[in-house]
Amino acid sequence: MAEAQTILVVDDDRSIVELLRDFLENEEFHVLTACDANQAWSLFQQHAVDCIVLDIMMPGENGFELCRRLRKDSDVPILFLSARSDDVDKIRGLTLGGDDYIVKTASPGEIVARVKAVLRRMASRPSAAESILEYGRLRMNLTAREVTIEGEKAVLTPKEYELLRLFAEHPRQVFSYEQLLDKFWDGVGDKHTIRVHLSRLREKIEADPNQPQLLVNVWGIGYRFEGG
């Protein structure tokens, strides 16, 4: 029997924490809970966490600040949970490295579905012999899920890695905004979501993010990977 995956739920509202714990445990996840950033950081250091559901507005260090701290050396999937639905918070969360942004009006069942979706994407990796993709200065080891640029390791979030892998495995193929939303965000989101993620990805893989040579825009449609 496979070992249960561990989800860390971080929110200062105990009623939300307990509700999500019940729904996640019903799906056979192992659940850790924290009411603030410091407690969450301590639990993260002590346990192998597979995914974090992270509230933004908390006393002391907020969710954005904790995400920034986590992203310094971890690519654990982070799903922001917020009472606010405006684009400013959403774009900021994704820019900091979040993998999804969920408004608290979402049902617990939808939140659990989003957790499962990001974990499925993490699990879609090759299990056979090592597979390498190389495009000039960029090298992807699909088995190890490692990306290097001119020999230097690029630290990508899970969503950034999966986006890059899709493009690198299909060079010159154009992917529309709608296709990318369906594949990586279950159809939930808009062009801003994709633009923010690809902008962050370009900063990590392009020699000049303002003049991209790998991930290029196809105006009015979407993006394609040149591999040049």
Foldseek 3Di string as FASTA:
>chain_A
DDDAAEEEEEALPVVVVVVLCVVLVVVVHHYHYYDDLVVSVVVVVVDPHQEYEAEADHPDHGRLNSLLVCLVPDQRAYEYEYCDDDVVVVLSCVLSRHLYYHYPVDDSVVVSVQVVLLSVLVVPADDDDWDWFAQVQWIATRRVLWIGGVNHTFRHHSLLSSVVVVQRVPAPDFDFPQNSCCNRVVSPDDPSSVVSSVLSSLVRHAPDSVDRDAWDAPPPGGIHGHSD
